Amino acid sequence: MTRHAAFLWLLSVPALVSCCFAVPSRSAARSSAPTQQSRYRASPCVGELSADATSGQILVERNADAEAYPASVTKLMTLLLVLEDVRAGRYSFDSLAQATIDVNRCEASWIGIKAGEKMTVRDLCYAMMVESANDAAIVLAVNSAGSFDLFIERMNSRARELGMVKTSYYNPNGLPPNPLKRYSWKSFNVTTARDQLKLALALLKLPETLDFTSVKTCDLIKQPGGFRVSVTRRVNAPTVKTVLAPEEKIVKQLRNHNNVMVMDKLKIFNPDGSEAVDGLKTGYITAGGSSVVLTASRRGKRVVAIVLGSASSKEREAEVSRLVTDALAAVAW
């Protein structure tokens, strides 16, 4: 090898080593990775609509009949059935519900209630709507219908009564099928934006709905035999400090996943300075992306906005914020 050739070879060695062994930075890998999209998860979303909550008139819609996976938005139907049970006198919000072994059919988000432990129906509703606790939804379902499977039958029956013709429920919390968890359900819950409007309008006829969906934060408190929940902040209300009994301790602060309602940079304000958004529910699973059903009010007028199957939470929040802002301007000018 000539001296010139050897020199050129030595220059090439670092480049060769770099080519073979260099590992891209995490930020580079993250920025270059494509956003997962499918029939049930798309940019900016699979389907959306907004409506006047008083008349039910649809203001804007796009692919409103496209099927999507609602994920934890499912819990709105669970809440509706519980609220209707209480109104019918089957039990009260103060009634104690005892967890059964059915709580093993879930994963996070959860509060960690175990079989045999008890909570009031009211506190389980807070846990379900604020923390999006999947185990709380199961306890409420079994307490309501007597068994997990009977509650699923009730969910689908009520959906038919509301005209939710393209909705099918297989569980009360929106978790995807997962054979490794030995879930009994074999399919995803499925719905559409149009069907979710029908459910939202039914819920908004019950004032108790906003009692649960307008909560921003609360404390989960361990007490003998189970848990209780102390609400610490609601929309347009100051923070309240939790008072504990001697045998109690706070084990977790529950924070609402509804970022448009909770995060200062995303809040939508009315001309009088009040916060417009005061419910309802968000949801996320990998296969179905990010979804949300929101309600907001201004000058006595109320709107609903629904976004299902966004490829990211950022897109979901941008879409639903635009829908809510335009809807409020249309009905409360």
Protein backbone atom coordinates (compact mmCIF):
# COMPACT_ATOMS: atom_id res chain seq x y z
CA MET A 1 0.00 0.00 0.00
CA THR A 2 1.41 3.39 -0.96
CA ARG A 3 1.78 6.11 1.67
CA HIS A 4 -0.99 8.11 -0.04
CA ALA A 5 -3.37 5.11 -0.09
CA ALA A 6 -2.68 4.36 3.57
CA PHE A 7 -3.42 7.95 4.50
CA LEU A 8 -6.76 7.84 2.68
CA TRP A 9 -7.62 4.54 4.38
CA LEU A 10 -6.95 5.99 7.84
CA LEU A 11 -9.20 8.96 7.09
CA SER A 12 -12.02 6.62 6.20
CA VAL A 13 -11.90 4.57 9.44
CA PRO A 14 -13.72 7.08 11.73
CA ALA A 15 -16.43 7.54 9.14
CA LEU A 16 -16.80 3.79 8.80
CA VAL A 17 -17.01 3.29 12.56
CA SER A 18 -19.52 6.14 12.89
CA CYS A 19 -21.66 4.69 10.10
CA CYS A 20 -21.73 1.24 11.66
CA PHE A 21 -22.10 2.09 15.33
CA ALA A 22 -23.63 5.54 15.73
CA VAL A 23 -26.93 5.52 17.63
CA PRO A 24 -29.41 8.32 16.85
CA SER A 25 -30.44 10.54 19.75
CA ARG A 26 -33.81 9.92 21.39
CA SER A 27 -35.07 13.29 20.26
CA ALA A 28 -34.08 12.59 16.66
CA ALA A 29 -35.74 9.19 16.74
CA ARG A 30 -38.87 10.66 18.29
CA SER A 31 -39.19 13.46 15.77
CA SER A 32 -38.69 11.17 12.78
CA ALA A 33 -41.10 8.46 13.94
CA PRO A 34 -44.39 8.57 12.01
CA THR A 35 -47.58 9.21 13.93
CA GLN A 36 -49.55 5.97 14.19
CA GLN A 37 -52.66 6.15 12.05
CA SER A 38 -55.37 3.69 11.13
CA ARG A 39 -59.09 3.48 10.52
CA TYR A 40 -59.62 4.23 14.21
CA ARG A 41 -56.81 6.75 14.77
CA ALA A 42 -56.16 9.62 12.35
CA SER A 43 -55.01 13.22 11.99
CA PRO A 44 -56.64 15.40 13.11
CA CYS A 45 -59.30 12.84 14.13
CA VAL A 46 -61.58 10.06 12.89
CA GLY A 47 -64.79 12.03 13.40
CA GLU A 48 -66.07 15.16 15.08
CA LEU A 49 -69.07 17.41 15.61
CA SER A 50 -70.41 20.26 17.71
CA ALA A 51 -74.00 21.02 18.69
CA ASP A 52 -76.30 23.31 20.62
CA ALA A 53 -76.98 21.31 23.78
CA THR A 54 -80.43 22.85 24.30
CA SER A 55 -81.92 22.12 20.89
CA GLY A 56 -79.59 19.31 19.81
CA GLN A 57 -78.97 21.15 16.54
CA ILE A 58 -75.68 20.11 15.01
CA LEU A 59 -73.49 23.11 14.21
CA VAL A 60 -70.47 21.44 12.60
CA GLU A 61 -69.83 17.84 11.66
CA ARG A 62 -67.13 15.90 9.86
CA ASN A 63 -67.23 12.12 9.51
CA ALA A 64 -69.70 12.07 12.40
CA ASP A 65 -70.79 8.52 11.55
CA ALA A 66 -67.28 7.09 11.31
CA GLU A 67 -66.66 4.31 13.83
CA ALA A 68 -64.07 4.98 16.54
CA TYR A 69 -62.83 3.40 19.75
CA PRO A 70 -64.10 5.64 22.60
CA ALA A 71 -61.68 4.32 25.24
CA SER A 72 -62.53 5.99 28.58
CA VAL A 73 -65.26 8.10 26.98
CA THR A 74 -67.13 4.81 27.55
CA LYS A 75 -67.47 5.84 31.19
CA LEU A 76 -70.11 8.39 30.20
CA MET A 77 -72.57 5.55 29.60
CA THR A 78 -71.58 3.96 32.91
CA LEU A 79 -72.22 7.28 34.64
CA LEU A 80 -75.60 7.71 32.94
CA LEU A 81 -76.82 4.31 34.15
CA VAL A 82 -75.64 4.99 37.71
CA LEU A 83 -77.32 8.41 37.77
CA GLU A 84 -80.54 6.89 36.45
CA ASP A 85 -80.35 4.15 39.10
CA VAL A 86 -80.06 6.76 41.85
CA ARG A 87 -82.98 8.73 40.42
CA ALA A 88 -85.04 5.53 40.32
CA GLY A 89 -84.28 4.86 44.00
CA ARG A 90 -82.38 1.60 43.42
CA TYR A 91 -79.62 2.94 45.68
CA SER A 92 -78.30 6.36 46.74
CA PHE A 93 -75.04 8.23 46.27
CA ASP A 94 -74.30 7.46 49.93
CA SER A 95 -74.80 3.71 49.45
CA LEU A 96 -71.66 1.63 49.96
CA ALA A 97 -70.56 -0.50 47.00
CA GLN A 98 -68.24 -3.41 47.73
CA ALA A 99 -65.56 -4.37 45.21
CA THR A 100 -65.69 -7.95 43.94
CA ILE A 101 -63.02 -10.03 42.21
CA ASP A 102 -64.20 -8.39 38.99
CA VAL A 103 -61.81 -5.49 39.77
CA ASN A 104 -59.04 -7.82 38.56
CA ARG A 105 -60.37 -7.22 35.03
CA CYS A 106 -58.62 -3.88 34.68
CA GLU A 107 -55.38 -1.98 34.56
CA ALA A 108 -54.33 1.65 35.06
CA SER A 109 -55.75 4.23 35.35
CA TRP A 110 -57.06 2.99 38.67
CA ILE A 111 -57.39 3.83 42.34
CA GLY A 112 -56.32 0.41 43.60
CA ILE A 113 -59.50 -0.75 45.29
CA LYS A 114 -59.35 -4.45 46.16
CA ALA A 115 -62.03 -7.11 46.43
CA GLY A 116 -63.88 -6.70 49.73
CA GLU A 117 -63.12 -3.00 50.12
CA LYS A 118 -65.93 -0.43 49.97
CA MET A 119 -66.61 3.08 48.72
CA THR A 120 -69.75 5.13 48.38
CA VAL A 121 -71.36 5.33 44.97
CA ARG A 122 -70.68 9.08 44.98
CA ASP A 123 -66.95 8.65 45.59
CA LEU A 124 -66.69 5.91 42.98
CA CYS A 125 -68.27 8.29 40.46
CA TYR A 126 -65.71 10.96 41.33
CA ALA A 127 -62.88 8.46 40.94
CA MET A 128 -64.26 7.26 37.61
CA MET A 129 -64.80 10.71 36.11
CA VAL A 130 -61.78 12.56 37.52
CA GLU A 131 -59.04 9.90 37.65
CA SER A 132 -60.74 7.84 34.91
CA ALA A 133 -60.37 4.91 37.29
CA ASN A 134 -61.11 1.66 35.47
CA ASP A 135 -61.56 -0.30 38.69
CA ALA A 136 -64.11 2.24 39.97
CA ALA A 137 -66.14 1.75 36.79
CA ILE A 138 -66.19 -2.00 37.35
CA VAL A 139 -67.29 -1.66 40.97
CA LEU A 140 -70.10 0.67 39.91
CA ALA A 141 -71.15 -1.70 37.13
CA VAL A 142 -71.36 -4.79 39.33
CA ASN A 143 -73.10 -2.84 42.11
CA SER A 144 -75.64 -1.51 39.61
CA ALA A 145 -76.61 -4.68 37.76
CA GLY A 146 -75.52 -7.48 40.06
CA SER A 147 -72.90 -8.78 37.64
CA PHE A 148 -70.41 -7.51 35.10
CA ASP A 149 -72.15 -9.17 32.14
CA LEU A 150 -75.61 -7.94 33.11
CA PHE A 151 -74.32 -4.37 33.23
CA ILE A 152 -72.90 -4.68 29.71
CA GLU A 153 -76.34 -5.81 28.55
CA ARG A 154 -77.81 -2.71 30.19
CA MET A 155 -75.25 -0.46 28.50
CA ASN A 156 -76.12 -1.77 25.05
CA SER A 157 -79.85 -1.73 25.74
CA ARG A 158 -79.69 1.91 26.86
CA ALA A 159 -77.61 2.79 23.82
CA ARG A 160 -80.36 1.36 21.58
CA GLU A 161 -83.00 3.34 23.47
CA LEU A 162 -81.02 6.54 22.85
CA GLY A 163 -80.70 5.77 19.15
CA MET A 164 -76.97 5.05 19.33
CA VAL A 165 -77.21 2.70 16.39
CA LYS A 166 -73.50 2.30 15.70
CA THR A 167 -72.35 1.85 19.31
CA SER A 168 -71.38 -1.45 20.93
CA TYR A 169 -70.10 -1.89 24.48
CA TYR A 170 -68.09 -4.82 25.82
CA ASN A 171 -66.96 -3.33 29.15
CA PRO A 172 -67.84 -0.34 31.37
CA ASN A 173 -64.50 1.47 31.18
CA GLY A 174 -63.18 1.37 27.59
CA LEU A 175 -60.15 -0.84 28.09
CA PRO A 176 -59.06 -2.71 24.94
CA PRO A 177 -59.23 -6.51 24.70
CA ASN A 178 -56.15 -8.04 26.29
CA PRO A 179 -55.90 -11.86 26.47
CA LEU A 180 -52.90 -11.61 28.82
CA LYS A 181 -55.21 -10.00 31.40
CA ARG A 182 -57.79 -12.76 30.80
CA TYR A 183 -60.50 -10.25 30.03
CA SER A 184 -63.83 -11.75 29.12
CA TRP A 185 -64.45 -9.29 26.30
CA LYS A 186 -63.07 -10.03 22.86
CA SER A 187 -63.66 -6.71 21.07
CA PHE A 188 -63.13 -2.98 21.43
CA ASN A 189 -65.99 -0.73 22.46
CA VAL A 190 -67.08 1.10 19.29
CA THR A 191 -69.04 4.32 18.79
CA THR A 192 -69.39 7.42 16.59
CA ALA A 193 -69.41 11.15 17.21
CA ARG A 194 -73.12 11.29 16.35
CA ASP A 195 -73.91 8.55 18.85
CA GLN A 196 -71.86 10.26 21.56
CA LEU A 197 -73.87 13.44 21.05
CA LYS A 198 -77.04 11.50 21.87
CA LEU A 199 -75.44 10.19 25.05
CA ALA A 200 -74.09 13.61 26.05
CA LEU A 201 -77.50 15.25 25.59
CA ALA A 202 -79.11 12.58 27.79
CA LEU A 203 -76.49 13.17 30.50
CA LEU A 204 -76.84 16.94 30.39
CA LYS A 205 -80.53 16.61 31.21
CA LEU A 206 -79.37 15.39 34.64
CA PRO A 207 -77.80 18.21 36.73
CA GLU A 208 -75.82 15.65 38.72
CA THR A 209 -73.68 15.00 35.64
CA LEU A 210 -71.81 18.29 35.98
CA ASP A 211 -71.37 17.69 39.71
CA PHE A 212 -68.99 14.89 38.73
CA THR A 213 -67.52 16.07 35.42
CA SER A 214 -66.66 19.63 36.51
CA VAL A 215 -64.26 18.45 39.23
CA LYS A 216 -60.64 19.35 38.50
CA THR A 217 -58.89 17.70 41.44
CA CYS A 218 -59.72 15.63 44.48
CA ASP A 219 -57.88 13.64 47.12
CA LEU A 220 -58.11 9.86 47.39
CA ILE A 221 -58.16 8.99 51.08
CA LYS A 222 -57.47 5.55 52.56
CA GLN A 223 -59.67 4.72 55.49
CA PRO A 224 -60.43 1.48 57.33
CA GLY A 225 -62.14 -0.94 54.94
CA GLY A 226 -61.74 1.12 51.79
CA PHE A 227 -61.39 4.62 50.40
CA ARG A 228 -63.18 7.93 50.24
CA VAL A 229 -62.76 10.97 47.98
CA SER A 230 -62.55 14.63 48.96
CA VAL A 231 -63.18 17.16 46.17
CA THR A 232 -60.57 19.93 46.31
CA ARG A 233 -61.35 22.01 43.23
CA ARG A 234 -64.14 22.52 40.70
CA VAL A 235 -64.50 24.72 37.65
CA ASN A 236 -64.95 28.40 38.65
CA ALA A 237 -64.44 27.60 42.33
CA PRO A 238 -61.56 28.05 44.80
CA THR A 239 -59.44 25.22 46.14
CA VAL A 240 -60.76 23.46 49.25
CA LYS A 241 -58.43 21.79 51.75
CA THR A 242 -59.12 18.18 52.70
CA VAL A 243 -59.81 17.49 56.38
CA LEU A 244 -58.69 14.06 57.60
CA ALA A 245 -59.86 11.89 60.47
CA PRO A 246 -57.11 10.43 62.71
CA GLU A 247 -57.15 7.02 60.98
CA GLU A 248 -57.14 8.42 57.45
CA LYS A 249 -54.37 9.38 55.04
CA ILE A 250 -54.23 10.88 51.56
CA VAL A 251 -52.76 8.32 49.17
CA LYS A 252 -53.11 10.19 45.89
CA GLN A 253 -54.32 13.42 44.33
CA LEU A 254 -56.70 12.68 41.48
CA ARG A 255 -56.45 15.11 38.55
CA ASN A 256 -58.95 15.39 35.74
CA HIS A 257 -57.55 14.32 32.35
CA ASN A 258 -59.66 16.98 30.62
CA ASN A 259 -56.75 19.29 29.76
CA VAL A 260 -58.92 21.95 28.11
CA MET A 261 -60.73 22.30 31.43
CA VAL A 262 -57.70 22.00 33.70
CA MET A 263 -54.61 23.47 32.01
CA ASP A 264 -54.35 27.26 32.15
CA LYS A 265 -52.87 27.55 28.66
CA LEU A 266 -55.79 25.60 27.14
CA LYS A 267 -58.74 27.05 29.06
CA ILE A 268 -61.54 28.80 27.18
CA PHE A 269 -62.84 31.89 28.96
CA ASN A 270 -66.11 33.77 28.71
CA PRO A 271 -66.28 37.57 28.37
CA ASP A 272 -67.01 37.85 32.10
CA GLY A 273 -63.78 35.98 32.91
CA SER A 274 -65.42 32.68 33.92
CA GLU A 275 -64.25 29.35 32.55
CA ALA A 276 -66.53 28.05 29.81
CA VAL A 277 -65.71 24.31 29.81
CA ASP A 278 -67.14 22.27 32.70
CA GLY A 279 -67.14 18.59 31.51
CA LEU A 280 -67.52 15.85 30.26
CA LYS A 281 -64.85 13.11 29.57
CA THR A 282 -61.65 12.24 27.74
CA GLY A 283 -60.27 8.89 26.64
CA TYR A 284 -57.15 7.30 25.20
CA ILE A 285 -55.96 3.89 24.06
CA THR A 286 -53.11 3.21 21.65
CA ALA A 287 -55.30 1.57 19.01
CA GLY A 288 -57.93 4.30 19.08
CA GLY A 289 -55.95 7.43 19.84
CA SER A 290 -57.27 10.36 21.87
CA SER A 291 -60.96 11.20 22.18
CA VAL A 292 -63.05 13.71 24.10
CA VAL A 293 -66.65 14.78 24.68
CA LEU A 294 -66.74 18.35 26.01
CA THR A 295 -69.45 20.70 27.15
CA ALA A 296 -69.23 24.44 27.77
CA SER A 297 -71.60 27.27 28.62
CA ARG A 298 -71.81 31.00 27.97
CA ARG A 299 -74.58 33.48 28.80
CA GLY A 300 -76.96 30.65 29.70
CA LYS A 301 -76.32 28.77 26.47
CA ARG A 302 -74.65 25.34 26.42
CA VAL A 303 -72.79 23.50 23.67
CA VAL A 304 -71.29 20.03 23.18
CA ALA A 305 -68.19 19.24 21.13
CA ILE A 306 -66.95 15.74 20.29
CA VAL A 307 -63.65 14.62 18.80
CA LEU A 308 -62.94 10.92 18.40
CA GLY A 309 -59.79 9.09 17.36
CA SER A 310 -57.18 11.85 17.19
CA ALA A 311 -53.67 10.63 16.45
CA SER A 312 -52.39 12.65 19.41
CA SER A 313 -53.72 14.44 22.46
CA LYS A 314 -52.34 17.70 21.07
CA GLU A 315 -54.47 17.33 17.93
CA ARG A 316 -57.49 16.33 20.01
CA GLU A 317 -57.22 19.41 22.18
CA ALA A 318 -56.67 21.74 19.22
CA GLU A 319 -59.69 20.33 17.38
CA VAL A 320 -62.07 20.35 20.32
CA SER A 321 -60.97 23.85 21.37
CA ARG A 322 -61.75 25.13 17.90
CA LEU A 323 -65.14 23.40 17.89
CA VAL A 324 -66.09 24.72 21.34
CA THR A 325 -64.96 28.28 20.59
CA ASP A 326 -66.89 28.42 17.33
CA ALA A 327 -69.97 26.77 18.88
CA LEU A 328 -70.08 29.24 21.77
CA ALA A 329 -69.76 32.13 19.33
CA ALA A 330 -72.64 30.72 17.29
CA VAL A 331 -75.14 30.17 20.12
CA ALA A 332 -74.14 32.90 22.60
CA TRP A 333 -73.34 35.89 20.39
